[in-house]
All heavy atoms as atom14 arrays in JSON, in Angstrom:
{
  "sequence": "KLKRFIVRDPKTRTIHASAFRDRVVYHAIVNILEPIFDPTFIHDSYAS",
  "atom14_mask": [
    [1, 1, 1, 1, 1, 1, 1, 1, 1, 0, 0, 0, 0, 0],
    [1, 1, 1, 1, 1, 1, 1, 1, 0, 0, 0, 0, 0, 0],
    [1, 1, 1, 1, 1, 1, 1, 1, 1, 0, 0, 0, 0, 0],
    [1, 1, 1, 1, 1, 1, 1, 1, 1, 1, 1, 0, 0, 0],
    [1, 1, 1, 1, 1, 1, 1, 1, 1, 1, 1, 0, 0, 0],
    [1, 1, 1, 1, 1, 1, 1, 1, 0, 0, 0, 0, 0, 0],
    [1, 1, 1, 1, 1, 1, 1, 0, 0, 0, 0, 0, 0, 0],
    [1, 1, 1, 1, 1, 1, 1, 1, 1, 1, 1, 0, 0, 0],
    [1, 1, 1, 1, 1, 1, 1, 1, 0, 0, 0, 0, 0, 0],
    [1, 1, 1, 1, 1, 1, 1, 0, 0, 0, 0, 0, 0, 0],
    [1, 1, 1, 1, 1, 1, 1, 1, 1, 0, 0, 0, 0, 0],
    [1, 1, 1, 1, 1, 1, 1, 0, 0, 0, 0, 0, 0, 0],
    [1, 1, 1, 1, 1, 1, 1, 1, 1, 1, 1, 0, 0, 0],
    [1, 1, 1, 1, 1, 1, 1, 0, 0, 0, 0, 0, 0, 0],
    [1, 1, 1, 1, 1, 1, 1, 1, 0, 0, 0, 0, 0, 0],
    [1, 1, 1, 1, 1, 1, 1, 1, 1, 1, 0, 0, 0, 0],
    [1, 1, 1, 1, 1, 0, 0, 0, 0, 0, 0, 0, 0, 0],
    [1, 1, 1, 1, 1, 1, 0, 0, 0, 0, 0, 0, 0, 0],
    [1, 1, 1, 1, 1, 0, 0, 0, 0, 0, 0, 0, 0, 0],
    [1, 1, 1, 1, 1, 1, 1, 1, 1, 1, 1, 0, 0, 0],
    [1, 1, 1, 1, 1, 1, 1, 1, 1, 1, 1, 0, 0, 0],
    [1, 1, 1, 1, 1, 1, 1, 1, 0, 0, 0, 0, 0, 0],
    [1, 1, 1, 1, 1, 1, 1, 1, 1, 1, 1, 0, 0, 0],
    [1, 1, 1, 1, 1, 1, 1, 0, 0, 0, 0, 0, 0, 0],
    [1, 1, 1, 1, 1, 1, 1, 0, 0, 0, 0, 0, 0, 0],
    [1, 1, 1, 1, 1, 1, 1, 1, 1, 1, 1, 1, 0, 0],
    [1, 1, 1, 1, 1, 1, 1, 1, 1, 1, 0, 0, 0, 0],
    [1, 1, 1, 1, 1, 0, 0, 0, 0, 0, 0, 0, 0, 0],
    [1, 1, 1, 1, 1, 1, 1, 1, 0, 0, 0, 0, 0, 0],
    [1, 1, 1, 1, 1, 1, 1, 0, 0, 0, 0, 0, 0, 0],
    [1, 1, 1, 1, 1, 1, 1, 1, 0, 0, 0, 0, 0, 0],
    [1, 1, 1, 1, 1, 1, 1, 1, 0, 0, 0, 0, 0, 0],
    [1, 1, 1, 1, 1, 1, 1, 1, 0, 0, 0, 0, 0, 0],
    [1, 1, 1, 1, 1, 1, 1, 1, 1, 0, 0, 0, 0, 0],
    [1, 1, 1, 1, 1, 1, 1, 0, 0, 0, 0, 0, 0, 0],
    [1, 1, 1, 1, 1, 1, 1, 1, 0, 0, 0, 0, 0, 0],
    [1, 1, 1, 1, 1, 1, 1, 1, 1, 1, 1, 0, 0, 0],
    [1, 1, 1, 1, 1, 1, 1, 1, 0, 0, 0, 0, 0, 0],
    [1, 1, 1, 1, 1, 1, 1, 0, 0, 0, 0, 0, 0, 0],
    [1, 1, 1, 1, 1, 1, 1, 0, 0, 0, 0, 0, 0, 0],
    [1, 1, 1, 1, 1, 1, 1, 1, 1, 1, 1, 0, 0, 0],
    [1, 1, 1, 1, 1, 1, 1, 1, 0, 0, 0, 0, 0, 0],
    [1, 1, 1, 1, 1, 1, 1, 1, 1, 1, 0, 0, 0, 0],
    [1, 1, 1, 1, 1, 1, 1, 1, 0, 0, 0, 0, 0, 0],
    [1, 1, 1, 1, 1, 1, 0, 0, 0, 0, 0, 0, 0, 0],
    [1, 1, 1, 1, 1, 1, 1, 1, 1, 1, 1, 1, 0, 0],
    [1, 1, 1, 1, 1, 0, 0, 0, 0, 0, 0, 0, 0, 0],
    [1, 1, 1, 1, 1, 1, 0, 0, 0, 0, 0, 0, 0, 0]
  ],
  "atom14_positions": [
    [[5.26, -18.67, -3.9], [3.84, -18.45, -4.15], [3.05, -18.85, -2.9], [3.32, -19.87, -2.26], [3.37, -19.29, -5.34], [1.94, -19.01, -5.77], [1.58, -19.77, -7.03], [0.14, -19.45, -7.46], [-0.24, -20.19, -8.69], [0.0, 0.0, 0.0], [0.0, 0.0, 0.0], [0.0, 0.0, 0.0], [0.0, 0.0, 0.0], [0.0, 0.0, 0.0]],
    [[2.07, -18.05, -2.55], [1.24, -18.31, -1.37], [0.28, -19.47, -1.62], [-0.23, -19.63, -2.72], [0.43, -17.06, -1.0], [1.24, -15.81, -0.65], [0.34, -14.58, -0.64], [1.91, -15.96, 0.7], [0.0, 0.0, 0.0], [0.0, 0.0, 0.0], [0.0, 0.0, 0.0], [0.0, 0.0, 0.0], [0.0, 0.0, 0.0], [0.0, 0.0, 0.0]],
    [[0.06, -20.27, -0.58], [-0.93, -21.34, -0.66], [-2.26, -20.85, -0.11], [-2.33, -20.34, 1.0], [-0.45, -22.57, 0.12], [0.75, -23.25, -0.51], [1.12, -24.52, 0.25], [2.31, -25.21, -0.4], [2.7, -26.45, 0.35], [0.0, 0.0, 0.0], [0.0, 0.0, 0.0], [0.0, 0.0, 0.0], [0.0, 0.0, 0.0], [0.0, 0.0, 0.0]],
    [[-3.3, -21.02, -0.89], [-4.61, -20.47, -0.54], [-5.52, -21.57, 0.02], [-5.6, -22.66, -0.54], [-5.24, -19.86, -1.8], [-6.62, -19.27, -1.63], [-7.07, -18.67, -2.96], [-8.42, -18.15, -2.92], [-9.51, -18.86, -3.15], [-9.39, -20.15, -3.45], [-10.7, -18.31, -3.09], [0.0, 0.0, 0.0], [0.0, 0.0, 0.0], [0.0, 0.0, 0.0]],
    [[-6.2, -21.27, 1.15], [-7.19, -22.2, 1.66], [-8.28, -21.44, 2.41], [-8.12, -20.27, 2.76], [-6.55, -23.27, 2.55], [-5.83, -22.74, 3.76], [-6.46, -22.67, 4.99], [-4.51, -22.3, 3.67], [-5.79, -22.18, 6.11], [-3.83, -21.83, 4.79], [-4.49, -21.77, 6.01], [0.0, 0.0, 0.0], [0.0, 0.0, 0.0], [0.0, 0.0, 0.0]],
    [[-9.41, -22.11, 2.62], [-10.58, -21.49, 3.22], [-10.76, -21.98, 4.65], [-10.6, -23.16, 4.94], [-11.86, -21.83, 2.41], [-11.68, -21.49, 0.93], [-13.08, -21.13, 3.0], [-11.51, -20.02, 0.63], [0.0, 0.0, 0.0], [0.0, 0.0, 0.0], [0.0, 0.0, 0.0], [0.0, 0.0, 0.0], [0.0, 0.0, 0.0], [0.0, 0.0, 0.0]],
    [[-11.08, -21.05, 5.56], [-11.44, -21.43, 6.93], [-12.81, -20.83, 7.25], [-13.19, -19.79, 6.7], [-10.4, -20.95, 7.97], [-9.06, -21.6, 7.73], [-10.26, -19.44, 7.97], [0.0, 0.0, 0.0], [0.0, 0.0, 0.0], [0.0, 0.0, 0.0], [0.0, 0.0, 0.0], [0.0, 0.0, 0.0], [0.0, 0.0, 0.0], [0.0, 0.0, 0.0]],
    [[-13.52, -21.48, 8.15], [-14.83, -20.99, 8.6], [-14.79, -20.9, 10.11], [-14.91, -21.92, 10.79], [-15.95, -21.91, 8.11], [-16.1, -21.88, 6.6], [-17.06, -22.94, 6.07], [-17.24, -22.8, 4.62], [-16.41, -23.3, 3.72], [-15.34, -23.98, 4.11], [-16.63, -23.14, 2.42], [0.0, 0.0, 0.0], [0.0, 0.0, 0.0], [0.0, 0.0, 0.0]],
    [[-14.63, -19.69, 10.65], [-14.3, -19.55, 12.07], [-14.92, -18.3, 12.71], [-14.18, -17.46, 13.22], [-12.77, -19.53, 12.22], [-12.33, -19.57, 13.67], [-13.1, -20.07, 14.49], [-11.22, -19.08, 13.96], [0.0, 0.0, 0.0], [0.0, 0.0, 0.0], [0.0, 0.0, 0.0], [0.0, 0.0, 0.0], [0.0, 0.0, 0.0], [0.0, 0.0, 0.0]],
    [[-16.25, -18.09, 12.8], [-17.29, -18.88, 12.16], [-17.58, -18.4, 10.73], [-18.16, -19.11, 9.94], [-18.49, -18.63, 13.07], [-18.25, -17.24, 13.59], [-16.76, -17.07, 13.71], [0.0, 0.0, 0.0], [0.0, 0.0, 0.0], [0.0, 0.0, 0.0], [0.0, 0.0, 0.0], [0.0, 0.0, 0.0], [0.0, 0.0, 0.0], [0.0, 0.0, 0.0]],
    [[-17.14, -17.17, 10.4], [-17.41, -16.69, 9.05], [-16.33, -17.21, 8.1], [-15.21, -17.53, 8.49], [-17.45, -15.16, 9.01], [-16.14, -14.47, 9.36], [-16.32, -12.95, 9.35], [-15.01, -12.24, 9.7], [-15.16, -10.77, 9.7], [0.0, 0.0, 0.0], [0.0, 0.0, 0.0], [0.0, 0.0, 0.0], [0.0, 0.0, 0.0], [0.0, 0.0, 0.0]],
    [[-16.68, -17.29, 6.83], [-15.77, -17.82, 5.83], [-14.69, -16.79, 5.5], [-15.0, -15.63, 5.21], [-16.53, -18.21, 4.55], [-17.5, -19.2, 4.89], [-15.59, -18.76, 3.51], [0.0, 0.0, 0.0], [0.0, 0.0, 0.0], [0.0, 0.0, 0.0], [0.0, 0.0, 0.0], [0.0, 0.0, 0.0], [0.0, 0.0, 0.0], [0.0, 0.0, 0.0]],
    [[-13.43, -17.23, 5.56], [-12.31, -16.34, 5.24], [-11.31, -17.09, 4.38], [-11.15, -18.31, 4.51], [-11.61, -15.86, 6.51], [-12.46, -14.99, 7.41], [-11.67, -14.56, 8.63], [-11.28, -15.71, 9.44], [-10.33, -15.68, 10.36], [-9.64, -14.57, 10.58], [-10.03, -16.75, 11.08], [0.0, 0.0, 0.0], [0.0, 0.0, 0.0], [0.0, 0.0, 0.0]],
    [[-10.64, -16.35, 3.52], [-9.59, -16.93, 2.7], [-8.23, -16.61, 3.32], [-7.89, -15.44, 3.49], [-9.65, -16.39, 1.26], [-10.94, -16.68, 0.71], [-8.58, -17.05, 0.4], [0.0, 0.0, 0.0], [0.0, 0.0, 0.0], [0.0, 0.0, 0.0], [0.0, 0.0, 0.0], [0.0, 0.0, 0.0], [0.0, 0.0, 0.0], [0.0, 0.0, 0.0]],
    [[-7.48, -17.65, 3.67], [-6.17, -17.5, 4.29], [-5.1, -17.86, 3.27], [-5.27, -18.79, 2.48], [-6.03, -18.4, 5.53], [-7.14, -18.11, 6.54], [-4.65, -18.23, 6.16], [-7.1, -16.74, 7.15], [0.0, 0.0, 0.0], [0.0, 0.0, 0.0], [0.0, 0.0, 0.0], [0.0, 0.0, 0.0], [0.0, 0.0, 0.0], [0.0, 0.0, 0.0]],
    [[-4.01, -17.12, 3.27], [-2.89, -17.4, 2.37], [-1.67, -17.75, 3.22], [-1.17, -16.9, 3.96], [-2.6, -16.22, 1.46], [-3.68, -15.96, 0.46], [-4.84, -15.27, 0.78], [-3.8, -16.33, -0.84], [-5.61, -15.2, -0.29], [-5.01, -15.83, -1.28], [0.0, 0.0, 0.0], [0.0, 0.0, 0.0], [0.0, 0.0, 0.0], [0.0, 0.0, 0.0]],
    [[-1.22, -19.0, 3.11], [-0.07, -19.47, 3.9], [1.22, -19.32, 3.12], [1.28, -19.62, 1.92], [-0.28, -20.93, 4.3], [0.0, 0.0, 0.0], [0.0, 0.0, 0.0], [0.0, 0.0, 0.0], [0.0, 0.0, 0.0], [0.0, 0.0, 0.0], [0.0, 0.0, 0.0], [0.0, 0.0, 0.0], [0.0, 0.0, 0.0], [0.0, 0.0, 0.0]],
    [[2.24, -18.87, 3.81], [3.56, -18.68, 3.19], [4.48, -19.85, 3.48], [4.32, -20.55, 4.49], [4.21, -17.4, 3.72], [3.43, -16.28, 3.42], [0.0, 0.0, 0.0], [0.0, 0.0, 0.0], [0.0, 0.0, 0.0], [0.0, 0.0, 0.0], [0.0, 0.0, 0.0], [0.0, 0.0, 0.0], [0.0, 0.0, 0.0], [0.0, 0.0, 0.0]],
    [[5.46, -20.06, 2.63], [6.51, -21.04, 2.89], [7.25, -20.61, 4.16], [7.37, -19.42, 4.46], [7.47, -21.11, 1.71], [0.0, 0.0, 0.0], [0.0, 0.0, 0.0], [0.0, 0.0, 0.0], [0.0, 0.0, 0.0], [0.0, 0.0, 0.0], [0.0, 0.0, 0.0], [0.0, 0.0, 0.0], [0.0, 0.0, 0.0], [0.0, 0.0, 0.0]],
    [[7.79, -21.59, 4.89], [8.42, -21.28, 6.17], [9.6, -20.31, 6.02], [9.77, -19.4, 6.83], [8.89, -22.56, 6.87], [9.48, -22.31, 8.23], [8.66, -21.93, 9.28], [10.84, -22.41, 8.43], [9.2, -21.67, 10.54], [11.39, -22.15, 9.69], [10.56, -21.78, 10.74], [0.0, 0.0, 0.0], [0.0, 0.0, 0.0], [0.0, 0.0, 0.0]],
    [[10.41, -20.46, 4.98], [11.55, -19.56, 4.79], [11.09, -18.11, 4.62], [11.77, -17.17, 5.05], [12.43, -20.02, 3.62], [11.86, -19.73, 2.24], [12.65, -20.4, 1.12], [14.06, -20.12, 1.16], [14.66, -19.14, 0.49], [13.93, -18.31, -0.27], [15.96, -18.97, 0.55], [0.0, 0.0, 0.0], [0.0, 0.0, 0.0], [0.0, 0.0, 0.0]],
    [[9.92, -17.93, 4.0], [9.38, -16.59, 3.84], [8.89, -16.03, 5.18], [9.0, -14.83, 5.44], [8.25, -16.59, 2.81], [8.74, -16.94, 1.42], [9.86, -16.54, 1.07], [8.01, -17.63, 0.68], [0.0, 0.0, 0.0], [0.0, 0.0, 0.0], [0.0, 0.0, 0.0], [0.0, 0.0, 0.0], [0.0, 0.0, 0.0], [0.0, 0.0, 0.0]],
    [[8.37, -16.91, 6.03], [7.96, -16.46, 7.36], [9.16, -15.97, 8.17], [9.03, -15.04, 8.97], [7.24, -17.59, 8.1], [5.96, -18.05, 7.45], [5.29, -19.14, 8.26], [4.57, -20.06, 7.4], [3.95, -21.14, 7.82], [3.97, -21.45, 9.11], [3.32, -21.94, 6.97], [0.0, 0.0, 0.0], [0.0, 0.0, 0.0], [0.0, 0.0, 0.0]],
    [[10.29, -16.6, 7.96], [11.52, -16.14, 8.62], [11.84, -14.71, 8.17], [12.19, -13.84, 8.97], [12.7, -17.08, 8.33], [14.01, -16.52, 8.87], [12.44, -18.47, 8.91], [0.0, 0.0, 0.0], [0.0, 0.0, 0.0], [0.0, 0.0, 0.0], [0.0, 0.0, 0.0], [0.0, 0.0, 0.0], [0.0, 0.0, 0.0], [0.0, 0.0, 0.0]],
    [[11.69, -14.45, 6.87], [11.94, -13.11, 6.34], [10.95, -12.11, 6.92], [11.32, -10.98, 7.27], [11.86, -13.12, 4.8], [11.98, -11.7, 4.24], [12.97, -14.0, 4.21], [0.0, 0.0, 0.0], [0.0, 0.0, 0.0], [0.0, 0.0, 0.0], [0.0, 0.0, 0.0], [0.0, 0.0, 0.0], [0.0, 0.0, 0.0], [0.0, 0.0, 0.0]],
    [[9.68, -12.51, 7.05], [8.68, -11.61, 7.63], [9.08, -11.19, 9.04], [8.99, -10.01, 9.41], [7.3, -12.27, 7.69], [6.74, -12.75, 6.37], [5.74, -13.71, 6.33], [7.21, -12.25, 5.15], [5.21, -14.16, 5.13], [6.7, -12.69, 3.96], [5.69, -13.66, 3.95], [5.18, -14.11, 2.75], [0.0, 0.0, 0.0], [0.0, 0.0, 0.0]],
    [[9.52, -12.16, 9.83], [9.95, -11.83, 11.19], [11.19, -10.95, 11.17], [11.33, -10.05, 12.02], [10.24, -13.12, 11.97], [9.01, -13.75, 12.57], [8.45, -13.32, 13.75], [8.23, -14.77, 12.12], [7.39, -14.04, 14.02], [7.23, -14.94, 13.06], [0.0, 0.0, 0.0], [0.0, 0.0, 0.0], [0.0, 0.0, 0.0], [0.0, 0.0, 0.0]],
    [[12.08, -11.19, 10.21], [13.27, -10.35, 10.09], [12.89, -8.89, 9.82], [13.49, -7.96, 10.37], [14.18, -10.88, 8.98], [0.0, 0.0, 0.0], [0.0, 0.0, 0.0], [0.0, 0.0, 0.0], [0.0, 0.0, 0.0], [0.0, 0.0, 0.0], [0.0, 0.0, 0.0], [0.0, 0.0, 0.0], [0.0, 0.0, 0.0], [0.0, 0.0, 0.0]],
    [[11.89, -8.69, 8.98], [11.41, -7.33, 8.67], [10.81, -6.69, 9.91], [11.14, -5.55, 10.27], [10.36, -7.37, 7.53], [11.0, -7.84, 6.22], [9.71, -5.99, 7.35], [9.98, -8.13, 5.12], [0.0, 0.0, 0.0], [0.0, 0.0, 0.0], [0.0, 0.0, 0.0], [0.0, 0.0, 0.0], [0.0, 0.0, 0.0], [0.0, 0.0, 0.0]],
    [[9.92, -7.42, 10.57], [9.22, -6.87, 11.74], [10.19, -6.62, 12.89], [10.03, -5.64, 13.63], [8.06, -7.79, 12.16], [7.42, -7.31, 13.46], [6.99, -7.86, 11.05], [0.0, 0.0, 0.0], [0.0, 0.0, 0.0], [0.0, 0.0, 0.0], [0.0, 0.0, 0.0], [0.0, 0.0, 0.0], [0.0, 0.0, 0.0], [0.0, 0.0, 0.0]],
    [[11.21, -7.46, 13.03], [12.23, -7.23, 14.06], [12.84, -5.83, 13.95], [13.16, -5.19, 14.95], [13.36, -8.26, 13.95], [12.96, -9.63, 14.47], [11.94, -9.8, 15.12], [13.78, -10.63, 14.17], [0.0, 0.0, 0.0], [0.0, 0.0, 0.0], [0.0, 0.0, 0.0], [0.0, 0.0, 0.0], [0.0, 0.0, 0.0], [0.0, 0.0, 0.0]],
    [[13.02, -5.39, 12.72], [13.66, -4.08, 12.47], [12.66, -2.93, 12.54], [12.95, -1.88, 13.12], [14.36, -4.09, 11.09], [15.42, -5.19, 11.02], [14.98, -2.72, 10.79], [16.5, -5.1, 12.08], [0.0, 0.0, 0.0], [0.0, 0.0, 0.0], [0.0, 0.0, 0.0], [0.0, 0.0, 0.0], [0.0, 0.0, 0.0], [0.0, 0.0, 0.0]],
    [[11.46, -3.14, 11.97], [10.51, -2.03, 11.84], [9.63, -1.82, 13.07], [9.22, -0.69, 13.36], [9.63, -2.23, 10.61], [10.34, -2.24, 9.25], [9.32, -2.29, 8.12], [11.23, -1.01, 9.09], [0.0, 0.0, 0.0], [0.0, 0.0, 0.0], [0.0, 0.0, 0.0], [0.0, 0.0, 0.0], [0.0, 0.0, 0.0], [0.0, 0.0, 0.0]],
    [[9.33, -2.89, 13.78], [8.41, -2.76, 14.92], [8.92, -1.79, 15.99], [8.15, -0.94, 16.48], [8.13, -4.13, 15.55], [7.06, -4.09, 16.63], [6.74, -5.49, 17.15], [7.69, -6.18, 17.59], [5.56, -5.88, 17.12], [0.0, 0.0, 0.0], [0.0, 0.0, 0.0], [0.0, 0.0, 0.0], [0.0, 0.0, 0.0], [0.0, 0.0, 0.0]],
    [[10.2, -1.83, 16.38], [10.68, -0.87, 17.39], [10.59, 0.59, 16.92], [10.58, 1.5, 17.76], [12.14, -1.28, 17.6], [12.22, -2.7, 17.14], [11.27, -2.8, 16.0], [0.0, 0.0, 0.0], [0.0, 0.0, 0.0], [0.0, 0.0, 0.0], [0.0, 0.0, 0.0], [0.0, 0.0, 0.0], [0.0, 0.0, 0.0], [0.0, 0.0, 0.0]],
    [[10.52, 0.79, 15.61], [10.42, 2.15, 15.07], [8.98, 2.63, 15.06], [8.67, 3.76, 15.46], [11.0, 2.2, 13.64], [12.51, 1.91, 13.68], [10.71, 3.55, 12.97], [13.14, 1.72, 12.32], [0.0, 0.0, 0.0], [0.0, 0.0, 0.0], [0.0, 0.0, 0.0], [0.0, 0.0, 0.0], [0.0, 0.0, 0.0], [0.0, 0.0, 0.0]],
    [[8.05, 1.76, 14.63], [6.67, 2.18, 14.44], [5.79, 2.01, 15.68], [4.9, 2.83, 15.93], [6.04, 1.42, 13.26], [6.45, 1.95, 11.92], [7.51, 1.39, 11.23], [5.79, 3.03, 11.34], [7.91, 1.88, 10.0], [6.17, 3.54, 10.11], [7.23, 2.97, 9.43], [0.0, 0.0, 0.0], [0.0, 0.0, 0.0], [0.0, 0.0, 0.0]],
    [[6.02, 0.95, 16.45], [5.11, 0.68, 17.56], [5.01, 1.85, 18.55], [3.91, 2.14, 19.03], [5.52, -0.6, 18.29], [4.43, -1.09, 19.23], [3.47, -1.71, 18.76], [4.55, -0.82, 20.45], [0.0, 0.0, 0.0], [0.0, 0.0, 0.0], [0.0, 0.0, 0.0], [0.0, 0.0, 0.0], [0.0, 0.0, 0.0], [0.0, 0.0, 0.0]],
    [[6.12, 2.53, 18.88], [5.99, 3.67, 19.8], [5.11, 4.8, 19.26], [4.67, 5.66, 20.04], [7.44, 4.14, 19.98], [8.27, 2.93, 19.68], [7.53, 2.23, 18.58], [0.0, 0.0, 0.0], [0.0, 0.0, 0.0], [0.0, 0.0, 0.0], [0.0, 0.0, 0.0], [0.0, 0.0, 0.0], [0.0, 0.0, 0.0], [0.0, 0.0, 0.0]],
    [[4.87, 4.83, 17.95], [4.02, 5.88, 17.36], [2.55, 5.51, 17.41], [1.69, 6.34, 17.13], [4.41, 6.16, 15.9], [4.03, 5.04, 15.07], [5.9, 6.39, 15.76], [0.0, 0.0, 0.0], [0.0, 0.0, 0.0], [0.0, 0.0, 0.0], [0.0, 0.0, 0.0], [0.0, 0.0, 0.0], [0.0, 0.0, 0.0], [0.0, 0.0, 0.0]],
    [[2.24, 4.23, 17.74], [0.84, 3.79, 17.78], [0.16, 4.31, 19.05], [0.81, 4.5, 20.09], [0.75, 2.26, 17.76], [1.28, 1.61, 16.51], [1.6, 0.26, 16.5], [1.45, 2.34, 15.34], [2.09, -0.35, 15.36], [1.94, 1.74, 14.18], [2.26, 0.38, 14.2], [0.0, 0.0, 0.0], [0.0, 0.0, 0.0], [0.0, 0.0, 0.0]],
    [[-1.14, 4.5, 18.98], [-1.89, 4.94, 20.16], [-1.99, 3.79, 21.18], [-1.85, 2.62, 20.82], [-3.3, 5.44, 19.78], [-4.15, 4.31, 19.21], [-3.21, 6.63, 18.82], [-5.63, 4.66, 19.11], [0.0, 0.0, 0.0], [0.0, 0.0, 0.0], [0.0, 0.0, 0.0], [0.0, 0.0, 0.0], [0.0, 0.0, 0.0], [0.0, 0.0, 0.0]],
    [[-2.26, 4.13, 22.4], [-2.38, 3.12, 23.46], [-3.49, 2.13, 23.16], [-3.36, 0.92, 23.44], [-2.66, 3.81, 24.8], [-2.9, 2.86, 25.93], [-1.87, 2.25, 26.62], [-4.05, 2.38, 26.47], [-2.38, 1.45, 27.55], [-3.69, 1.51, 27.48], [0.0, 0.0, 0.0], [0.0, 0.0, 0.0], [0.0, 0.0, 0.0], [0.0, 0.0, 0.0]],
    [[-4.59, 2.6, 22.59], [-5.78, 1.77, 22.44], [-5.89, 1.08, 21.07], [-6.99, 0.85, 20.57], [-7.03, 2.6, 22.74], [-7.12, 2.92, 24.23], [-6.95, 2.0, 25.03], [-7.33, 4.09, 24.58], [0.0, 0.0, 0.0], [0.0, 0.0, 0.0], [0.0, 0.0, 0.0], [0.0, 0.0, 0.0], [0.0, 0.0, 0.0], [0.0, 0.0, 0.0]],
    [[-4.76, 0.74, 20.49], [-4.69, -0.16, 19.34], [-4.23, -1.51, 19.91], [-3.12, -1.61, 20.44], [-3.69, 0.37, 18.31], [-3.38, -0.63, 17.37], [0.0, 0.0, 0.0], [0.0, 0.0, 0.0], [0.0, 0.0, 0.0], [0.0, 0.0, 0.0], [0.0, 0.0, 0.0], [0.0, 0.0, 0.0], [0.0, 0.0, 0.0], [0.0, 0.0, 0.0]],
    [[-5.07, -2.56, 19.78], [-4.85, -3.77, 20.58], [-4.49, -5.02, 19.8], [-4.22, -6.06, 20.41], [-6.1, -4.05, 21.42], [-6.22, -3.11, 22.59], [-6.91, -1.91, 22.48], [-5.6, -3.4, 23.8], [-6.99, -1.03, 23.55], [-5.67, -2.52, 24.87], [-6.38, -1.33, 24.74], [-6.44, -0.46, 25.79], [0.0, 0.0, 0.0], [0.0, 0.0, 0.0]],
    [[-4.45, -4.98, 18.49], [-4.18, -6.21, 17.72], [-2.7, -6.35, 17.42], [-2.02, -5.37, 17.09], [-4.97, -6.19, 16.41], [0.0, 0.0, 0.0], [0.0, 0.0, 0.0], [0.0, 0.0, 0.0], [0.0, 0.0, 0.0], [0.0, 0.0, 0.0], [0.0, 0.0, 0.0], [0.0, 0.0, 0.0], [0.0, 0.0, 0.0], [0.0, 0.0, 0.0]],
    [[-2.19, -7.59, 17.53], [-0.83, -7.94, 17.1], [0.23, -7.03, 17.72], [1.17, -6.6, 17.06], [-0.74, -7.86, 15.56], [-1.72, -8.67, 14.97], [0.0, 0.0, 0.0], [0.0, 0.0, 0.0], [0.0, 0.0, 0.0], [0.0, 0.0, 0.0], [0.0, 0.0, 0.0], [0.0, 0.0, 0.0], [0.0, 0.0, 0.0], [0.0, 0.0, 0.0]]
  ]
}
């Protein structure tokens, strides 16, 4: 289950933090999918 908390930076946003083991899984997913999808993105997409 995600842990919910509020940050103000400067606007108020709700952030959901994952357990560390789940973050490992997220990276495992992106390791596989990013090389497939990133080459399809346009040059001028700049986030992450």
